[in-house]
Protein backbone atom coordinates (compact mmCIF):
# COMPACT_ATOMS: atom_id res chain seq x y z
CA MET A 1 83.27 105.86 54.27
CA ALA A 2 86.07 107.91 55.69
CA THR A 3 87.69 106.86 58.94
CA ILE A 4 89.09 108.88 61.79
CA CYS A 5 92.86 108.77 61.60
CA SER A 6 95.13 109.69 64.47
CA LEU A 7 98.63 108.94 65.61
CA PRO A 8 99.17 107.44 69.06
CA ARG A 9 100.30 109.74 71.82
CA ILE A 10 103.99 109.72 72.63
CA SER A 11 104.76 111.06 76.09
CA HIS A 12 103.28 114.59 76.21
CA THR A 13 103.42 114.91 72.51
CA ILE A 14 101.51 115.23 69.26
CA VAL A 15 98.36 113.63 67.87
CA VAL A 16 97.47 114.14 64.24
CA ILE A 17 94.62 114.26 61.76
CA THR A 18 94.76 116.36 58.59
CA LEU A 19 91.82 118.56 57.69
CA PHE A 20 91.60 121.61 55.42
CA PHE A 21 95.32 121.45 54.68
CA PHE A 22 94.99 122.69 51.12
CA HIS A 23 92.84 125.73 51.76
CA LEU A 24 94.72 128.82 52.94
CA GLY A 25 92.13 131.30 51.78
CA TYR A 26 88.52 131.44 52.78
CA TYR A 27 85.67 130.12 50.72
CA ILE A 28 82.95 132.71 50.17
CA VAL A 29 79.78 130.88 51.10
CA THR A 30 76.39 131.89 49.84
CA ALA A 31 75.05 132.85 53.25
CA THR A 32 72.94 135.99 53.43
CA THR A 33 72.52 138.02 56.57
CA ASN A 34 70.04 140.34 58.15
CA ILE A 35 72.23 142.25 60.56
CA HIS A 36 70.67 145.17 62.44
CA ASN A 37 74.02 146.85 63.01
CA ILE A 38 74.77 149.88 60.85
CA LYS A 39 78.48 149.06 60.91
CA GLY A 40 77.87 145.63 59.40
CA GLY A 41 79.32 143.69 62.32
CA PHE A 42 77.78 142.41 65.51
CA SER A 43 78.71 141.18 68.96
CA ALA A 44 77.45 138.36 71.14
CA HIS A 45 77.74 137.30 74.76
CA LEU A 46 80.01 134.51 75.92
CA ILE A 47 79.04 132.76 79.14
CA HIS A 48 81.35 130.87 81.47
CA LYS A 49 80.25 127.28 81.55
CA ASN A 50 79.92 127.39 85.35
CA SER A 51 78.41 130.85 85.51
CA PRO A 52 75.01 131.27 87.21
CA LYS A 53 73.85 132.60 83.82
CA SER A 54 74.97 129.42 82.13
CA PRO A 55 72.28 126.92 81.11
CA LEU A 56 74.69 124.19 82.09
CA PRO A 57 74.97 122.87 85.65
CA LYS A 58 77.79 123.86 87.96
CA GLN A 59 79.78 120.71 87.46
CA ARG A 60 83.53 120.49 87.53
CA ASN A 61 84.96 117.93 85.18
CA ASN A 62 88.69 117.57 84.72
CA LYS A 63 89.50 117.23 81.06
CA VAL A 64 92.12 117.81 78.44
CA SER A 65 91.68 120.84 76.23
CA ARG A 66 89.12 120.64 73.45
CA ARG A 67 90.98 121.12 70.20
CA LEU A 68 90.79 119.68 66.74
CA ILE A 69 93.43 117.04 66.19
CA GLY A 70 95.62 118.57 63.50
CA PRO A 71 99.12 118.67 62.04
CA ASP A 72 101.77 120.08 64.36
CA VAL A 73 99.34 120.34 67.27
CA LEU A 74 100.83 120.29 70.73
CA GLU A 75 98.68 118.00 72.86
CA ALA A 76 98.94 118.79 76.55
CA PRO A 77 97.87 115.87 78.75
CA MET A 78 96.91 118.17 81.58
CA LYS A 79 93.53 118.00 83.26
CA LEU A 80 91.58 121.20 82.93
CA ASP A 81 88.53 122.56 84.69
CA THR A 82 85.62 122.95 82.27
CA ASN A 83 84.64 126.29 83.76
CA PHE A 84 87.20 127.83 81.43
CA GLU A 85 85.04 126.92 78.46
CA ARG A 86 82.68 129.59 77.19
CA ILE A 87 79.26 129.11 75.67
CA MET A 88 77.71 131.00 72.79
CA LYS A 89 73.95 130.65 72.54
CA PHE A 90 72.21 130.78 69.15
CA SER A 91 69.13 129.36 67.48
CA MET A 92 69.02 127.04 64.49
CA GLY A 93 66.34 126.13 61.97
CA THR A 94 62.76 127.13 61.25
CA PRO A 95 61.07 127.00 63.70
CA PRO A 96 64.20 127.91 65.72
CA ILE A 97 65.71 125.57 68.28
CA ASP A 98 68.10 126.97 70.93
CA ILE A 99 71.67 125.65 70.72
CA HIS A 100 74.28 126.08 73.47
CA ALA A 101 77.68 125.52 71.85
CA ILE A 102 81.23 125.64 73.18
CA THR A 103 83.29 128.27 71.37
CA ASP A 104 86.57 126.84 70.09
CA SER A 105 89.31 128.80 68.34
CA GLY A 106 91.22 125.54 67.86
CA SER A 107 88.83 124.06 65.26
CA ASP A 108 86.68 125.14 62.33
CA LEU A 109 83.45 123.22 62.08
CA VAL A 110 80.15 124.44 63.52
CA TRP A 111 78.25 121.32 64.59
CA THR A 112 75.48 120.08 66.80
CA GLN A 113 73.88 116.74 67.55
CA CYS A 114 71.10 115.75 65.15
CA GLU A 115 68.27 113.30 64.87
CA PRO A 116 68.03 110.55 63.86
CA CYS A 117 70.83 109.70 66.29
CA ASN A 118 72.89 106.56 65.86
CA ALA A 119 74.82 107.39 69.02
CA CYS A 120 74.35 110.71 70.81
CA TYR A 121 75.32 111.76 74.30
CA LYS A 122 72.50 112.87 76.58
CA THR A 123 71.50 116.51 76.75
CA LYS A 124 68.66 118.09 78.68
CA PHE A 125 68.08 120.53 75.82
CA GLY A 126 67.19 117.85 73.29
CA VAL A 127 68.66 117.23 69.85
CA PHE A 128 68.18 119.22 66.65
CA ASP A 129 66.03 117.41 64.06
CA PRO A 130 66.56 118.77 60.52
CA ARG A 131 63.43 116.96 59.37
CA ASN A 132 61.37 119.45 61.37
CA SER A 133 63.04 122.54 59.86
CA SER A 134 61.76 124.15 56.66
CA THR A 135 65.11 125.90 56.06
CA TYR A 136 67.43 122.89 56.29
CA LYS A 137 69.29 122.03 53.07
CA ASN A 138 71.21 118.83 52.58
CA ILE A 139 74.70 118.90 51.03
CA THR A 140 75.61 116.09 48.65
CA CYS A 141 79.03 114.59 48.15
CA ARG A 142 79.30 116.15 44.69
CA SER A 143 78.85 119.64 46.06
CA GLY A 144 81.76 122.05 46.20
CA ASP A 145 80.83 122.62 49.83
CA CYS A 146 81.68 119.00 50.56
CA ARG A 147 85.19 119.47 49.15
CA LEU A 148 85.85 122.06 51.84
CA LEU A 149 86.43 119.10 54.14
CA GLY A 150 89.87 118.75 52.55
CA GLU A 151 91.47 115.42 53.30
CA SER A 152 88.40 114.40 55.25
CA TYR A 153 86.83 114.12 51.80
CA THR A 154 88.40 110.71 51.31
CA SER A 155 88.93 108.50 48.31
CA SER A 156 86.32 106.05 49.61
CA LEU A 157 83.69 108.80 49.75
CA ALA A 158 84.75 109.92 46.28
CA ARG A 159 84.25 106.38 44.91
CA VAL A 160 80.80 106.14 46.45
CA CYS A 161 79.96 109.60 45.17
CA LYS A 162 80.98 108.69 41.63
CA LYS A 163 78.37 105.92 41.60
CA GLU A 164 75.76 107.74 43.70
CA PRO A 165 76.19 111.53 43.31
CA SER A 166 73.21 112.20 45.55
CA THR A 167 74.98 110.58 48.53
CA ASN A 168 75.16 112.77 51.63
CA CYS A 169 78.39 114.63 52.35
CA VAL A 170 79.75 112.72 55.35
CA TYR A 171 82.16 114.47 57.72
CA MET A 172 84.27 113.12 60.58
CA TYR A 173 85.86 115.32 63.23
CA SER A 174 88.05 114.18 66.11
CA TYR A 175 89.36 116.33 68.98
CA ALA A 176 92.39 115.97 71.21
CA ASP A 177 90.29 115.18 74.30
CA GLY A 178 88.70 112.13 72.63
CA THR A 179 85.51 113.91 71.59
CA TYR A 180 84.35 113.14 68.08
CA THR A 181 81.41 113.81 65.79
CA VAL A 182 80.33 112.04 62.61
CA GLY A 183 77.40 113.05 60.43
CA ASN A 184 76.29 114.93 57.35
CA LEU A 185 77.06 118.46 56.22
CA GLY A 186 74.05 120.68 55.68
CA ARG A 187 73.01 124.32 55.46
CA GLU A 188 70.74 125.99 57.94
CA THR A 189 69.57 129.38 59.20
CA ILE A 190 71.26 130.52 62.42
CA SER A 191 69.97 133.42 64.47
CA LEU A 192 71.29 134.98 67.65
CA LYS A 193 70.64 137.91 69.91
CA SER A 194 73.40 140.49 69.80
CA THR A 195 74.67 142.39 72.81
CA THR A 196 72.61 145.38 71.64
CA GLY A 197 69.44 143.27 71.80
CA ASN A 198 69.00 143.04 68.03
CA ILE A 199 68.43 139.73 66.28
CA VAL A 200 71.13 138.67 63.82
CA ILE A 201 69.97 136.25 61.12
CA LEU A 202 72.53 134.21 59.17
CA LYS A 203 71.13 132.11 56.35
CA ASP A 204 72.59 129.01 54.70
CA ILE A 205 75.41 128.47 57.19
CA ILE A 206 77.25 125.20 56.56
CA PHE A 207 77.25 123.03 59.67
CA GLY A 208 77.80 119.47 60.78
CA CYS A 209 74.63 117.58 61.65
CA GLY A 210 76.15 114.96 63.94
CA THR A 211 74.35 111.63 64.20
CA THR A 212 77.21 109.72 65.86
CA ASN A 213 78.84 111.75 68.62
CA ASN A 214 80.89 111.28 71.75
CA ASP A 215 81.85 114.04 74.15
CA THR A 216 84.36 112.32 76.39
CA PHE A 217 83.94 114.75 79.29
CA SER A 218 80.39 115.89 78.65
CA THR A 219 78.32 117.31 81.49
CA GLY A 220 75.33 115.91 79.64
CA ASN A 221 74.39 119.35 78.38
CA GLU A 222 76.85 120.31 75.66
CA MET A 223 75.08 120.51 72.33
CA GLY A 224 78.01 121.01 70.00
CA VAL A 225 80.88 123.31 69.05
CA ILE A 226 81.09 126.60 67.20
CA GLY A 227 84.47 126.60 65.46
CA LEU A 228 86.29 129.95 65.32
CA GLY A 229 89.40 128.73 63.50
CA ARG A 230 90.91 129.95 60.23
CA GLY A 231 89.52 127.32 57.85
CA PRO A 232 86.78 127.84 55.24
CA LEU A 233 84.09 126.11 57.29
CA SER A 234 84.61 128.14 60.46
CA PHE A 235 81.92 130.52 61.68
CA VAL A 236 84.35 133.42 61.20
CA SER A 237 85.07 132.56 57.56
CA GLN A 238 81.47 131.86 56.61
CA ILE A 239 80.04 135.15 57.84
CA ALA A 240 83.02 137.24 56.63
CA PRO A 241 81.54 138.50 53.34
CA TYR A 242 78.58 139.97 55.18
CA VAL A 243 80.17 141.60 58.23
CA GLY A 244 83.12 143.36 56.62
CA GLY A 245 85.80 140.68 56.57
CA ARG A 246 87.40 137.75 58.35
CA ARG A 247 88.07 139.32 61.71
CA PHE A 248 86.83 139.00 65.25
CA SER A 249 87.89 140.02 68.72
CA HIS A 250 87.02 139.15 72.29
CA CYS A 251 87.43 140.69 75.70
CA LEU A 252 87.33 138.00 78.40
CA VAL A 253 86.52 138.99 81.97
CA GLN A 254 88.16 137.32 84.94
CA ASP A 255 84.98 136.97 86.98
CA PRO A 256 83.22 133.73 85.93
CA ASN A 257 79.91 135.19 87.10
CA LEU A 258 80.02 137.87 84.41
CA GLU A 259 79.51 137.58 80.68
CA SER A 260 82.30 138.25 78.20
CA ASN A 261 81.78 139.60 74.68
CA ILE A 262 82.89 138.45 71.25
CA TYR A 263 82.84 140.87 68.28
CA PHE A 264 82.60 139.89 64.60
CA GLY A 265 83.44 141.89 61.47
CA ASN A 266 83.31 145.68 61.34
CA GLY A 267 83.56 147.06 64.84
CA SER A 268 85.80 144.24 66.05
CA GLU A 269 89.03 146.11 65.32
CA VAL A 270 91.53 146.65 68.12
CA LEU A 271 92.62 150.27 67.83
CA ASP A 272 94.13 153.31 69.53
CA GLU A 273 96.98 153.76 71.99
CA GLY A 274 98.54 150.74 73.65
CA VAL A 275 97.84 148.23 70.87
CA VAL A 276 100.51 145.64 70.12
CA THR A 277 100.16 143.87 66.74
CA THR A 278 102.13 140.86 65.55
CA PRO A 279 101.88 138.66 62.43
CA LEU A 280 100.03 135.37 62.46
CA VAL A 281 101.99 132.44 61.07
CA ASP A 282 100.23 130.85 58.09
CA HIS A 283 98.15 127.87 59.11
CA THR A 284 94.91 126.35 57.91
CA THR A 285 93.14 126.36 61.30
CA PHE A 286 95.26 127.51 64.25
CA TYR A 287 96.40 130.90 65.50
CA TYR A 288 100.20 130.72 65.81
CA VAL A 289 102.54 133.63 66.51
CA THR A 290 106.30 133.90 66.95
CA VAL A 291 107.60 134.79 70.41
CA SER A 292 111.20 135.94 70.78
CA GLY A 293 111.35 135.54 74.56
CA ILE A 294 110.20 136.61 78.01
CA SER A 295 111.56 139.47 80.11
CA ILE A 296 111.67 139.31 83.90
CA GLY A 297 112.62 142.62 85.42
CA ASN A 298 115.54 143.91 83.34
CA ASP A 299 116.59 140.46 82.15
CA PHE A 300 115.54 139.04 78.79
CA LEU A 301 115.22 135.27 78.40
CA PRO A 302 115.30 134.27 74.71
CA PHE A 303 112.81 131.63 73.62
CA ASN A 304 115.75 129.48 72.49
CA SER A 305 118.77 129.34 74.78
CA ASN A 306 120.99 127.26 72.50
CA GLY A 307 121.31 129.75 69.67
CA THR A 308 119.20 127.72 67.25
CA LEU A 309 117.02 129.44 64.65
CA LEU A 310 113.80 130.74 66.18
CA LYS A 311 110.83 128.58 65.26
CA LYS A 312 108.26 130.78 63.53
CA ASP A 313 105.16 129.12 64.97
CA ASN A 314 106.31 128.68 68.57
CA MET A 315 103.22 129.95 70.42
CA LEU A 316 99.59 128.97 69.90
CA ILE A 317 96.89 131.44 70.99
CA ASP A 318 93.97 129.43 72.34
CA SER A 319 91.41 130.63 74.87
CA GLY A 320 90.15 127.05 75.26
CA THR A 321 93.38 125.97 76.98
CA PRO A 322 93.48 127.73 80.37
CA PHE A 323 97.07 127.27 81.50
CA PRO A 324 99.78 128.86 79.37
CA ARG A 325 102.52 126.38 78.57
CA LEU A 326 106.22 126.96 77.96
CA PRO A 327 108.82 124.59 76.52
CA LYS A 328 110.82 122.96 79.32
CA ASP A 329 114.04 124.83 78.63
CA LEU A 330 112.35 128.25 78.76
CA PHE A 331 110.17 127.24 81.72
CA ASP A 332 113.23 126.12 83.72
CA ARG A 333 114.99 129.43 83.04
CA VAL A 334 111.89 131.40 84.10
CA VAL A 335 111.73 129.36 87.33
CA THR A 336 115.41 129.95 88.10
CA LYS A 337 115.10 133.69 87.49
CA LEU A 338 111.98 134.06 89.66
CA GLN A 339 113.46 132.00 92.50
CA LYS A 340 116.38 134.41 92.61
CA ALA A 341 114.15 137.49 92.39
CA VAL A 342 111.57 136.51 95.04
CA PRO A 343 112.91 136.02 98.61
CA LEU A 344 110.39 133.32 99.55
CA LYS A 345 110.59 129.57 99.87
CA SER A 346 109.39 127.94 96.67
CA VAL A 347 108.86 124.50 95.22
CA VAL A 348 108.29 123.10 91.75
CA ASN A 349 104.87 121.54 92.13
CA LYS A 350 102.54 119.51 89.94
CA ILE A 351 99.41 121.25 88.73
CA TYR A 352 97.13 119.08 86.61
CA GLY A 353 100.07 116.79 85.97
CA LEU A 354 102.55 119.40 84.75
CA ASP A 355 105.33 121.32 86.53
CA THR A 356 104.80 124.81 87.83
CA LEU A 357 106.55 127.04 90.38
CA CYS A 358 104.79 127.66 93.69
CA PHE A 359 105.73 130.12 96.43
CA ILE A 360 104.86 129.01 99.95
CA THR A 361 102.84 131.93 101.24
CA THR A 362 99.21 132.73 101.93
CA THR A 363 99.79 136.41 101.28
CA PRO A 364 99.65 137.80 97.73
CA LEU A 365 103.15 138.63 96.54
CA GLU A 366 104.56 141.07 94.07
CA LEU A 367 106.61 139.72 91.19
CA PRO A 368 109.10 141.54 88.99
CA ARG A 369 107.77 142.97 85.75
CA ILE A 370 107.09 140.05 83.37
CA ALA A 371 106.38 140.53 79.65
CA LEU A 372 106.06 138.32 76.59
CA HIS A 373 107.98 139.64 73.57
CA PHE A 374 107.06 139.04 69.94
CA GLU A 375 109.47 138.72 67.05
CA GLY A 376 109.88 142.07 65.35
CA GLY A 377 109.05 144.05 68.48
CA GLY A 378 106.10 144.56 70.75
CA GLU A 379 105.36 143.07 74.14
CA VAL A 380 102.39 142.05 76.27
CA LEU A 381 102.69 142.71 80.00
CA LEU A 382 101.83 139.61 82.05
CA SER A 383 102.85 140.53 85.60
CA ASN A 384 99.32 140.75 87.00
CA LYS A 385 98.19 137.50 85.39
CA VAL A 386 100.85 134.92 86.15
CA LEU A 387 100.02 133.98 89.77
CA THR A 388 97.03 132.12 91.12
CA ALA A 389 96.20 131.17 94.69
CA HIS A 390 96.49 127.46 95.42
CA GLU A 391 94.38 125.65 98.00
CA ASN A 392 97.45 124.33 99.83
CA GLY A 393 98.61 127.72 101.12
CA MET A 394 100.70 128.64 98.10
CA TYR A 395 100.71 131.02 95.18
CA CYS A 396 101.62 129.28 91.93
CA LEU A 397 102.53 130.40 88.45
CA VAL A 398 99.83 129.83 85.86
CA PHE A 399 102.64 128.85 83.48
CA VAL A 400 103.32 125.15 83.24
CA GLY A 401 106.32 123.46 81.70
CA GLY A 402 106.35 120.92 78.91
CA THR A 403 108.73 118.92 76.77
CA ASP A 404 107.96 120.32 73.32
CA ASP A 405 109.47 123.24 71.46
CA PHE A 406 106.42 125.50 71.38
CA GLY A 407 103.74 126.57 73.81
CA TYR A 408 100.29 128.01 74.46
CA PHE A 409 99.13 131.54 75.12
CA GLY A 410 96.30 130.15 77.24
CA GLY A 411 93.04 131.59 78.46
CA MET A 412 94.34 132.64 81.90
CA LEU A 413 96.63 135.15 80.16
CA GLN A 414 93.86 136.46 77.93
CA THR A 415 91.57 137.99 80.54
CA ASP A 416 91.42 141.79 80.55
CA LEU A 417 93.02 141.86 77.13
CA LEU A 418 91.16 142.94 74.03
CA ILE A 419 92.49 140.44 71.49
CA GLY A 420 91.66 140.87 67.81
CA PHE A 421 92.27 138.37 65.03
CA ASP A 422 92.36 139.88 61.52
CA LEU A 423 92.68 137.02 59.06
CA ASP A 424 92.57 139.30 56.02
CA LYS A 425 95.66 141.15 57.24
CA ASN A 426 97.04 137.99 58.90
CA VAL A 427 97.74 139.68 62.23
CA VAL A 428 96.63 139.48 65.84
CA SER A 429 96.45 142.53 68.12
CA PHE A 430 96.52 142.86 71.91
CA LYS A 431 95.42 145.77 74.05
CA PRO A 432 95.33 145.86 77.87
CA THR A 433 91.68 146.55 78.66
CA ASP A 434 89.24 146.61 81.54
CA CYS A 435 86.97 144.08 79.87
CA ILE A 436 84.02 144.66 82.21
CA ASP A 437 83.98 148.33 81.24
CA TYR A 438 84.75 147.68 77.55
CA ASN A 439 82.04 145.08 77.11
CA LYS A 440 79.54 147.35 78.83
CA ASN A 441 80.19 150.19 76.38
CA ASN A 442 80.80 148.36 73.10
């Protein structure tokens, strides 16, 4: 049996497991769909975990970001409020069982807890039992579907499979916050209610049926994860042949009491005036872009101050990590520039264990124009997103500083932006948008 492999943490640094590293394309699964959308795509609601509409209780757990442990992954040891996580509700099996899963663009696998449980965390919604579903299909270790696990399909499983080809396809997934899931791959029918009220039916979706699971910071209600990464097992890749391609977009609202929307396939394109598009850097799972620097007022601060060659994958787009993070050198230069530009007393404070700049004032303040610049041109204006009120009578940057050479475009920068990921064209697009209005009309 395969084992979970990870490197120990070093300071604020990197933890590693290798999954899907050989598969840069997407595997066309044999799912069929019944999509009542004439454009071929569909959209679904995303619910803040602490929203009144959420099925989960209003409980605030501090936790590290949920992300698959993978090669070259920056692991921030900051404590994050779980209300930044968003839930996508769908049903699984026949008869259908409701599943409330955390959406995660930092991993690929769709999984939920399954009976018979060897070790499952408690959930008030129960646990999916494939034995009670007439549409569940087991995946064996000899199946091509099992090989989509990449290096998680280990030599030990291969040896067992050679002797017993009917052995279940065993998967193991580990996340940066200590959450893990172990179980068998299977296929199942997933259905969900679109934002238009129509029912979307997705047959034979590959998913992880987890029988040994641990959610380190569980509220006792999380039922699994729906992976939105770039790998062949992600929800995005699996439904691609039936919705017009590997693309999706989302428009996240600032108000946690309101639903956001996520759009899949045709109809998810980010178009018209004001769109900024930049290439995605090739990666098996994660959404990396290349940032050339940040402008504050009329001054441009290059990502690298020492003249070294610009790292191509220096910014990770991840809505599951709330606070955007900058390398220490760039963060320090941003702090210096803002301290000179804003005539208020300020202090470098700790927020969830990492440095940020706070201005000592209880009155909202106006900052110079701040924009993030991509290599090759194009910028995203950030001025109205970079300050948050702090309980101690201060206004603090949402940016935090780290010690590594790349950063996060976190969820707090993504609100009121229509962000579209087109994996067929290998680009990501940004458009400033009133997401309440957009989600209401699309």
